[in-house]
Amino acid sequence: MSDVTFPEMSSDPAATGVIVTWFASEGEQVEPDDLLAEVAMDKVDQEIHAVRSGILRIVVPEETEVAQGSVIARIE
C-alpha cells in the first residue's frame, strides 16, 4: 500500500489547499502515471498522478480543505 499525499505547494507549513476534482473513482484500478486528482492552493493548481498500480481508496473527498503533506488517498 502507498499513500497519496497533498503536495507541498507553499513555503508556509500551515498552508492548506483543496481537492478540486478526483479523476479516478473510489475502488478503481489505477496504473503508474494515471491522473488521480487536481488540487489547488493559493491560485496554483497541480495534478497528482499514481506512482504505482493498485486499487484507489479515497480518504479525502472533493472540495475538502486539507493541509499540505496530508494523506488524501491510498493505493492498495
PDB file of N, CA and C in Angstrom:
ATOM      1  N   MET A   1       0.859  -1.172   0.000  1.00  0.00           N
ATOM      2  CA  MET A   1       0.000   0.000   0.000  1.00  0.00           C
ATOM      3  C   MET A   1       0.902   1.230   0.000  1.00  0.00           C
ATOM      4  N   SER A   2       0.487   2.253  -0.741  1.00  0.00           N
ATOM      5  CA  SER A   2       1.231   3.519  -0.702  1.00  0.00           C
ATOM      6  C   SER A   2       0.263   4.675  -0.523  1.00  0.00           C
ATOM      7  N   ASP A   3       0.723   5.675   0.201  1.00  0.00           N
ATOM      8  CA  ASP A   3      -0.096   6.854   0.467  1.00  0.00           C
ATOM      9  C   ASP A   3       0.027   7.844  -0.678  1.00  0.00           C
ATOM     10  N   VAL A   4      -1.084   8.504  -0.967  1.00  0.00           N
ATOM     11  CA  VAL A   4      -1.107   9.637  -1.895  1.00  0.00           C
ATOM     12  C   VAL A   4      -1.279  10.864  -1.013  1.00  0.00           C
ATOM     13  N   THR A   5      -0.330  11.786  -1.062  1.00  0.00           N
ATOM     14  CA  THR A   5      -0.373  12.951  -0.181  1.00  0.00           C
ATOM     15  C   THR A   5      -0.625  14.236  -0.947  1.00  0.00           C
ATOM     16  N   PHE A   6      -1.173  15.215  -0.238  1.00  0.00           N
ATOM     17  CA  PHE A   6      -1.354  16.540  -0.810  1.00  0.00           C
ATOM     18  C   PHE A   6       0.041  17.152  -0.948  1.00  0.00           C
ATOM     19  N   PRO A   7       0.397  17.627  -2.132  1.00  0.00           N
ATOM     20  CA  PRO A   7       1.757  18.129  -2.342  1.00  0.00           C
ATOM     21  C   PRO A   7       2.055  19.393  -1.543  1.00  0.00           C
ATOM     22  N   GLU A   8       3.330  19.596  -1.247  1.00  0.00           N
ATOM     23  CA  GLU A   8       3.758  20.829  -0.585  1.00  0.00           C
ATOM     24  C   GLU A   8       3.908  21.887  -1.663  1.00  0.00           C
ATOM     25  N   MET A   9       2.982  22.840  -1.665  1.00  0.00           N
ATOM     26  CA  MET A   9       2.919  23.857  -2.705  1.00  0.00           C
ATOM     27  C   MET A   9       3.196  25.251  -2.162  1.00  0.00           C
ATOM     28  N   SER A  10       3.471  25.359  -0.859  1.00  0.00           N
ATOM     29  CA  SER A  10       3.706  26.649  -0.228  1.00  0.00           C
ATOM     30  C   SER A  10       4.840  26.517   0.784  1.00  0.00           C
ATOM     31  N   SER A  11       5.573  27.596   0.985  1.00  0.00           N
ATOM     32  CA  SER A  11       6.628  27.587   1.998  1.00  0.00           C
ATOM     33  C   SER A  11       6.062  27.740   3.411  1.00  0.00           C
ATOM     34  N   ASP A  12       4.788  28.111   3.509  1.00  0.00           N
ATOM     35  CA  ASP A  12       4.118  28.245   4.803  1.00  0.00           C
ATOM     36  C   ASP A  12       3.676  26.860   5.274  1.00  0.00           C
ATOM     37  N   PRO A  13       4.254  26.328   6.350  1.00  0.00           N
ATOM     38  CA  PRO A  13       3.896  24.982   6.792  1.00  0.00           C
ATOM     39  C   PRO A  13       2.437  24.838   7.232  1.00  0.00           C
ATOM     40  N   ALA A  14       1.780  25.931   7.540  1.00  0.00           N
ATOM     41  CA  ALA A  14       0.378  25.876   7.963  1.00  0.00           C
ATOM     42  C   ALA A  14      -0.588  26.053   6.794  1.00  0.00           C
ATOM     43  N   ALA A  15      -0.065  26.195   5.584  1.00  0.00           N
ATOM     44  CA  ALA A  15      -0.918  26.425   4.420  1.00  0.00           C
ATOM     45  C   ALA A  15      -1.808  25.218   4.144  1.00  0.00           C
ATOM     46  N   THR A  16      -3.002  25.507   3.673  1.00  0.00           N
ATOM     47  CA  THR A  16      -3.938  24.460   3.297  1.00  0.00           C
ATOM     48  C   THR A  16      -4.361  24.660   1.846  1.00  0.00           C
ATOM     49  N   GLY A  17      -4.872  23.605   1.269  1.00  0.00           N
ATOM     50  CA  GLY A  17      -5.379  23.644  -0.094  1.00  0.00           C
ATOM     51  C   GLY A  17      -6.660  22.852  -0.172  1.00  0.00           C
ATOM     52  N   VAL A  18      -7.115  22.638  -1.390  1.00  0.00           N
ATOM     53  CA  VAL A  18      -8.380  21.933  -1.584  1.00  0.00           C
ATOM     54  C   VAL A  18      -8.239  20.932  -2.721  1.00  0.00           C
ATOM     55  N   ILE A  19      -8.945  19.833  -2.598  1.00  0.00           N
ATOM     56  CA  ILE A  19      -9.015  18.866  -3.688  1.00  0.00           C
ATOM     57  C   ILE A  19     -10.109  19.350  -4.626  1.00  0.00           C
ATOM     58  N   VAL A  20      -9.719  19.741  -5.817  1.00  0.00           N
ATOM     59  CA  VAL A  20     -10.663  20.294  -6.786  1.00  0.00           C
ATOM     60  C   VAL A  20     -11.490  19.178  -7.407  1.00  0.00           C
ATOM     61  N   THR A  21     -10.822  18.152  -7.934  1.00  0.00           N
ATOM     62  CA  THR A  21     -11.508  17.067  -8.642  1.00  0.00           C
ATOM     63  C   THR A  21     -10.743  15.763  -8.480  1.00  0.00           C
ATOM     64  N   TRP A  22     -11.470  14.696  -8.256  1.00  0.00           N
ATOM     65  CA  TRP A  22     -10.907  13.355  -8.366  1.00  0.00           C
ATOM     66  C   TRP A  22     -11.209  12.862  -9.774  1.00  0.00           C
ATOM     67  N   PHE A  23     -10.189  12.480 -10.524  1.00  0.00           N
ATOM     68  CA  PHE A  23     -10.379  11.939 -11.864  1.00  0.00           C
ATOM     69  C   PHE A  23     -10.541  10.424 -11.831  1.00  0.00           C
ATOM     70  N   ALA A  24     -10.064   9.791 -10.786  1.00  0.00           N
ATOM     71  CA  ALA A  24     -10.240   8.356 -10.576  1.00  0.00           C
ATOM     72  C   ALA A  24     -11.265   8.183  -9.460  1.00  0.00           C
ATOM     73  N   SER A  25     -11.980   7.084  -9.506  1.00  0.00           N
ATOM     74  CA  SER A  25     -13.057   6.826  -8.539  1.00  0.00           C
ATOM     75  C   SER A  25     -12.598   5.873  -7.440  1.00  0.00           C
ATOM     76  N   GLU A  26     -13.279   5.938  -6.314  1.00  0.00           N
ATOM     77  CA  GLU A  26     -13.052   5.022  -5.205  1.00  0.00           C
ATOM     78  C   GLU A  26     -13.162   3.589  -5.723  1.00  0.00           C
ATOM     79  N   GLY A  27     -12.170   2.765  -5.404  1.00  0.00           N
ATOM     80  CA  GLY A  27     -12.194   1.361  -5.788  1.00  0.00           C
ATOM     81  C   GLY A  27     -11.721   1.084  -7.210  1.00  0.00           C
ATOM     82  N   GLU A  28     -11.324   2.117  -7.940  1.00  0.00           N
ATOM     83  CA  GLU A  28     -10.883   1.955  -9.322  1.00  0.00           C
ATOM     84  C   GLU A  28      -9.443   1.449  -9.378  1.00  0.00           C
ATOM     85  N   GLN A  29      -9.165   0.582 -10.337  1.00  0.00           N
ATOM     86  CA  GLN A  29      -7.803   0.127 -10.597  1.00  0.00           C
ATOM     87  C   GLN A  29      -7.054   1.268 -11.280  1.00  0.00           C
ATOM     88  N   VAL A  30      -5.887   1.631 -10.751  1.00  0.00           N
ATOM     89  CA  VAL A  30      -5.057   2.677 -11.353  1.00  0.00           C
ATOM     90  C   VAL A  30      -3.689   2.096 -11.694  1.00  0.00           C
ATOM     91  N   GLU A  31      -3.036   2.733 -12.655  1.00  0.00           N
ATOM     92  CA  GLU A  31      -1.720   2.328 -13.106  1.00  0.00           C
ATOM     93  C   GLU A  31      -0.750   3.497 -12.914  1.00  0.00           C
ATOM     94  N   PRO A  32       0.559   3.221 -12.897  1.00  0.00           N
ATOM     95  CA  PRO A  32       1.522   4.310 -12.752  1.00  0.00           C
ATOM     96  C   PRO A  32       1.292   5.401 -13.801  1.00  0.00           C
ATOM     97  N   ASP A  33       1.375   6.639 -13.356  1.00  0.00           N
ATOM     98  CA  ASP A  33       1.188   7.846 -14.169  1.00  0.00           C
ATOM     99  C   ASP A  33      -0.270   8.170 -14.491  1.00  0.00           C
ATOM    100  N   ASP A  34      -1.238   7.348 -14.069  1.00  0.00           N
ATOM    101  CA  ASP A  34      -2.650   7.714 -14.243  1.00  0.00           C
ATOM    102  C   ASP A  34      -2.931   9.002 -13.475  1.00  0.00           C
ATOM    103  N   LEU A  35      -3.722   9.878 -14.060  1.00  0.00           N
ATOM    104  CA  LEU A  35      -4.127  11.114 -13.389  1.00  0.00           C
ATOM    105  C   LEU A  35      -5.160  10.778 -12.326  1.00  0.00           C
ATOM    106  N   LEU A  36      -4.849  11.116 -11.076  1.00  0.00           N
ATOM    107  CA  LEU A  36      -5.754  10.818  -9.966  1.00  0.00           C
ATOM    108  C   LEU A  36      -6.615  12.008  -9.584  1.00  0.00           C
ATOM    109  N   ALA A  37      -5.981  13.184  -9.430  1.00  0.00           N
ATOM    110  CA  ALA A  37      -6.712  14.331  -8.894  1.00  0.00           C
ATOM    111  C   ALA A  37      -6.062  15.634  -9.313  1.00  0.00           C
ATOM    112  N   GLU A  38      -6.857  16.699  -9.183  1.00  0.00           N
ATOM    113  CA  GLU A  38      -6.339  18.059  -9.311  1.00  0.00           C
ATOM    114  C   GLU A  38      -6.549  18.741  -7.973  1.00  0.00           C
ATOM    115  N   VAL A  39      -5.493  19.392  -7.472  1.00  0.00           N
ATOM    116  CA  VAL A  39      -5.560  20.097  -6.201  1.00  0.00           C
ATOM    117  C   VAL A  39      -5.191  21.557  -6.429  1.00  0.00           C
ATOM    118  N   ALA A  40      -5.615  22.419  -5.511  1.00  0.00           N
ATOM    119  CA  ALA A  40      -5.335  23.850  -5.651  1.00  0.00           C
ATOM    120  C   ALA A  40      -4.945  24.436  -4.306  1.00  0.00           C
ATOM    121  N   MET A  41      -4.036  25.428  -4.391  1.00  0.00           N
ATOM    122  CA  MET A  41      -3.612  26.164  -3.206  1.00  0.00           C
ATOM    123  C   MET A  41      -3.148  27.540  -3.671  1.00  0.00           C
ATOM    124  N   ASP A  42      -3.678  28.580  -3.079  1.00  0.00           N
ATOM    125  CA  ASP A  42      -3.244  29.945  -3.390  1.00  0.00           C
ATOM    126  C   ASP A  42      -3.178  30.219  -4.895  1.00  0.00           C
ATOM    127  N   LYS A  43      -4.232  29.909  -5.594  1.00  0.00           N
ATOM    128  CA  LYS A  43      -4.341  30.162  -7.040  1.00  0.00           C
ATOM    129  C   LYS A  43      -3.391  29.325  -7.885  1.00  0.00           C
ATOM    130  N   VAL A  44      -2.817  28.289  -7.318  1.00  0.00           N
ATOM    131  CA  VAL A  44      -1.947  27.380  -8.063  1.00  0.00           C
ATOM    132  C   VAL A  44      -2.601  26.007  -8.078  1.00  0.00           C
ATOM    133  N   ASP A  45      -2.768  25.458  -9.277  1.00  0.00           N
ATOM    134  CA  ASP A  45      -3.328  24.116  -9.419  1.00  0.00           C
ATOM    135  C   ASP A  45      -2.209  23.137  -9.730  1.00  0.00           C
ATOM    136  N   GLN A  46      -2.383  21.909  -9.272  1.00  0.00           N
ATOM    137  CA  GLN A  46      -1.400  20.870  -9.558  1.00  0.00           C
ATOM    138  C   GLN A  46      -2.126  19.547  -9.732  1.00  0.00           C
ATOM    139  N   GLU A  47      -1.630  18.731 -10.667  1.00  0.00           N
ATOM    140  CA  GLU A  47      -2.178  17.401 -10.880  1.00  0.00           C
ATOM    141  C   GLU A  47      -1.403  16.397 -10.035  1.00  0.00           C
ATOM    142  N   ILE A  48      -2.117  15.379  -9.577  1.00  0.00           N
ATOM    143  CA  ILE A  48      -1.492  14.289  -8.837  1.00  0.00           C
ATOM    144  C   ILE A  48      -1.668  13.020  -9.659  1.00  0.00           C
ATOM    145  N   HIS A  49      -0.562  12.311  -9.866  1.00  0.00           N
ATOM    146  CA  HIS A  49      -0.562  11.082 -10.654  1.00  0.00           C
ATOM    147  C   HIS A  49      -0.216   9.893  -9.763  1.00  0.00           C
ATOM    148  N   ALA A  50      -0.698   8.724 -10.157  1.00  0.00           N
ATOM    149  CA  ALA A  50      -0.373   7.496  -9.422  1.00  0.00           C
ATOM    150  C   ALA A  50       1.101   7.163  -9.595  1.00  0.00           C
ATOM    151  N   VAL A  51       1.709   6.659  -8.537  1.00  0.00           N
ATOM    152  CA  VAL A  51       3.113   6.248  -8.603  1.00  0.00           C
ATOM    153  C   VAL A  51       3.246   4.735  -8.709  1.00  0.00           C
ATOM    154  N   ARG A  52       2.153   4.025  -8.503  1.00  0.00           N
ATOM    155  CA  ARG A  52       2.165   2.562  -8.615  1.00  0.00           C
ATOM    156  C   ARG A  52       0.786   2.085  -9.013  1.00  0.00           C
ATOM    157  N   SER A  53       0.673   0.835  -9.380  1.00  0.00           N
ATOM    158  CA  SER A  53      -0.626   0.273  -9.732  1.00  0.00           C
ATOM    159  C   SER A  53      -1.308  -0.269  -8.480  1.00  0.00           C
ATOM    160  N   GLY A  54      -2.613  -0.326  -8.532  1.00  0.00           N
ATOM    161  CA  GLY A  54      -3.391  -0.856  -7.418  1.00  0.00           C
ATOM    162  C   GLY A  54      -4.791  -0.288  -7.415  1.00  0.00           C
ATOM    163  N   ILE A  55      -5.487  -0.514  -6.327  1.00  0.00           N
ATOM    164  CA  ILE A  55      -6.864  -0.050  -6.144  1.00  0.00           C
ATOM    165  C   ILE A  55      -6.836   1.252  -5.353  1.00  0.00           C
ATOM    166  N   LEU A  56      -7.509   2.281  -5.873  1.00  0.00           N
ATOM    167  CA  LEU A  56      -7.544   3.589  -5.215  1.00  0.00           C
ATOM    168  C   LEU A  56      -8.568   3.604  -4.095  1.00  0.00           C
ATOM    169  N   ARG A  57      -8.127   4.054  -2.934  1.00  0.00           N
ATOM    170  CA  ARG A  57      -9.009   4.255  -1.772  1.00  0.00           C
ATOM    171  C   ARG A  57      -8.925   5.734  -1.403  1.00  0.00           C
ATOM    172  N   ILE A  58      -9.990   6.473  -1.674  1.00  0.00           N
ATOM    173  CA  ILE A  58     -10.018   7.912  -1.417  1.00  0.00           C
ATOM    174  C   ILE A  58     -10.265   8.165   0.069  1.00  0.00           C
ATOM    175  N   VAL A  59      -9.429   8.985   0.677  1.00  0.00           N
ATOM    176  CA  VAL A  59      -9.537   9.326   2.090  1.00  0.00           C
ATOM    177  C   VAL A  59     -10.221  10.682   2.265  1.00  0.00           C
ATOM    178  N   VAL A  60      -9.938  11.625   1.375  1.00  0.00           N
ATOM    179  CA  VAL A  60     -10.466  12.990   1.475  1.00  0.00           C
ATOM    180  C   VAL A  60     -11.307  13.288   0.233  1.00  0.00           C
ATOM    181  N   PRO A  61     -12.582  13.640   0.405  1.00  0.00           N
ATOM    182  CA  PRO A  61     -13.445  13.913  -0.750  1.00  0.00           C
ATOM    183  C   PRO A  61     -13.150  15.266  -1.410  1.00  0.00           C
ATOM    184  N   GLU A  62     -13.702  15.444  -2.605  1.00  0.00           N
ATOM    185  CA  GLU A  62     -13.566  16.709  -3.334  1.00  0.00           C
ATOM    186  C   GLU A  62     -14.062  17.881  -2.493  1.00  0.00           C
ATOM    187  N   GLU A  63     -13.478  19.049  -2.771  1.00  0.00           N
ATOM    188  CA  GLU A  63     -13.851  20.320  -2.155  1.00  0.00           C
ATOM    189  C   GLU A  63     -13.592  20.354  -0.649  1.00  0.00           C
ATOM    190  N   THR A  64     -12.707  19.491  -0.187  1.00  0.00           N
ATOM    191  CA  THR A  64     -12.344  19.465   1.222  1.00  0.00           C
ATOM    192  C   THR A  64     -11.000  20.152   1.407  1.00  0.00           C
ATOM    193  N   GLU A  65     -10.929  21.045   2.388  1.00  0.00           N
ATOM    194  CA  GLU A  65      -9.674  21.722   2.706  1.00  0.00           C
ATOM    195  C   GLU A  65      -8.769  20.755   3.455  1.00  0.00           C
ATOM    196  N   VAL A  66      -7.496  20.763   3.085  1.00  0.00           N
ATOM    197  CA  VAL A  66      -6.560  19.811   3.670  1.00  0.00           C
ATOM    198  C   VAL A  66      -5.181  20.453   3.783  1.00  0.00           C
ATOM    199  N   ALA A  67      -4.435  20.067   4.804  1.00  0.00           N
ATOM    200  CA  ALA A  67      -3.076  20.576   4.999  1.00  0.00           C
ATOM    201  C   ALA A  67      -2.129  19.895   4.015  1.00  0.00           C
ATOM    202  N   GLN A  68      -1.146  20.650   3.520  1.00  0.00           N
ATOM    203  CA  GLN A  68      -0.169  20.048   2.622  1.00  0.00           C
ATOM    204  C   GLN A  68       0.566  18.940   3.359  1.00  0.00           C
ATOM    205  N   GLY A  69       0.877  17.875   2.635  1.00  0.00           N
ATOM    206  CA  GLY A  69       1.527  16.712   3.227  1.00  0.00           C
ATOM    207  C   GLY A  69       0.565  15.687   3.786  1.00  0.00           C
ATOM    208  N   SER A  70      -0.727  16.027   3.891  1.00  0.00           N
ATOM    209  CA  SER A  70      -1.716  15.090   4.440  1.00  0.00           C
ATOM    210  C   SER A  70      -2.035  13.976   3.448  1.00  0.00           C
ATOM    211  N   VAL A  71      -2.352  12.809   3.976  1.00  0.00           N
ATOM    212  CA  VAL A  71      -2.770  11.686   3.140  1.00  0.00           C
ATOM    213  C   VAL A  71      -4.177  11.974   2.624  1.00  0.00           C
ATOM    214  N   ILE A  72      -4.335  11.917   1.292  1.00  0.00           N
ATOM    215  CA  ILE A  72      -5.645  12.165   0.688  1.00  0.00           C
ATOM    216  C   ILE A  72      -6.229  10.898   0.067  1.00  0.00           C
ATOM    217  N   ALA A  73      -5.375   9.898  -0.160  1.00  0.00           N
ATOM    218  CA  ALA A  73      -5.829   8.624  -0.714  1.00  0.00           C
ATOM    219  C   ALA A  73      -4.747   7.582  -0.465  1.00  0.00           C
ATOM    220  N   ARG A  74      -5.111   6.322  -0.726  1.00  0.00           N
ATOM    221  CA  ARG A  74      -4.146   5.227  -0.643  1.00  0.00           C
ATOM    222  C   ARG A  74      -4.330   4.343  -1.874  1.00  0.00           C
ATOM    223  N   ILE A  75      -3.229   3.762  -2.317  1.00  0.00           N
ATOM    224  CA  ILE A  75      -3.297   2.794  -3.405  1.00  0.00           C
ATOM    225  C   ILE A  75      -2.910   1.452  -2.803  1.00  0.00           C
ATOM    226  N   GLU A  76      -3.866   0.529  -2.830  1.00  0.00           N
ATOM    227  CA  GLU A  76      -3.653  -0.806  -2.227  1.00  0.00           C
ATOM    228  C   GLU A  76      -3.221  -1.798  -3.286  1.00  0.00           C
TER     229      GLU A  76
END
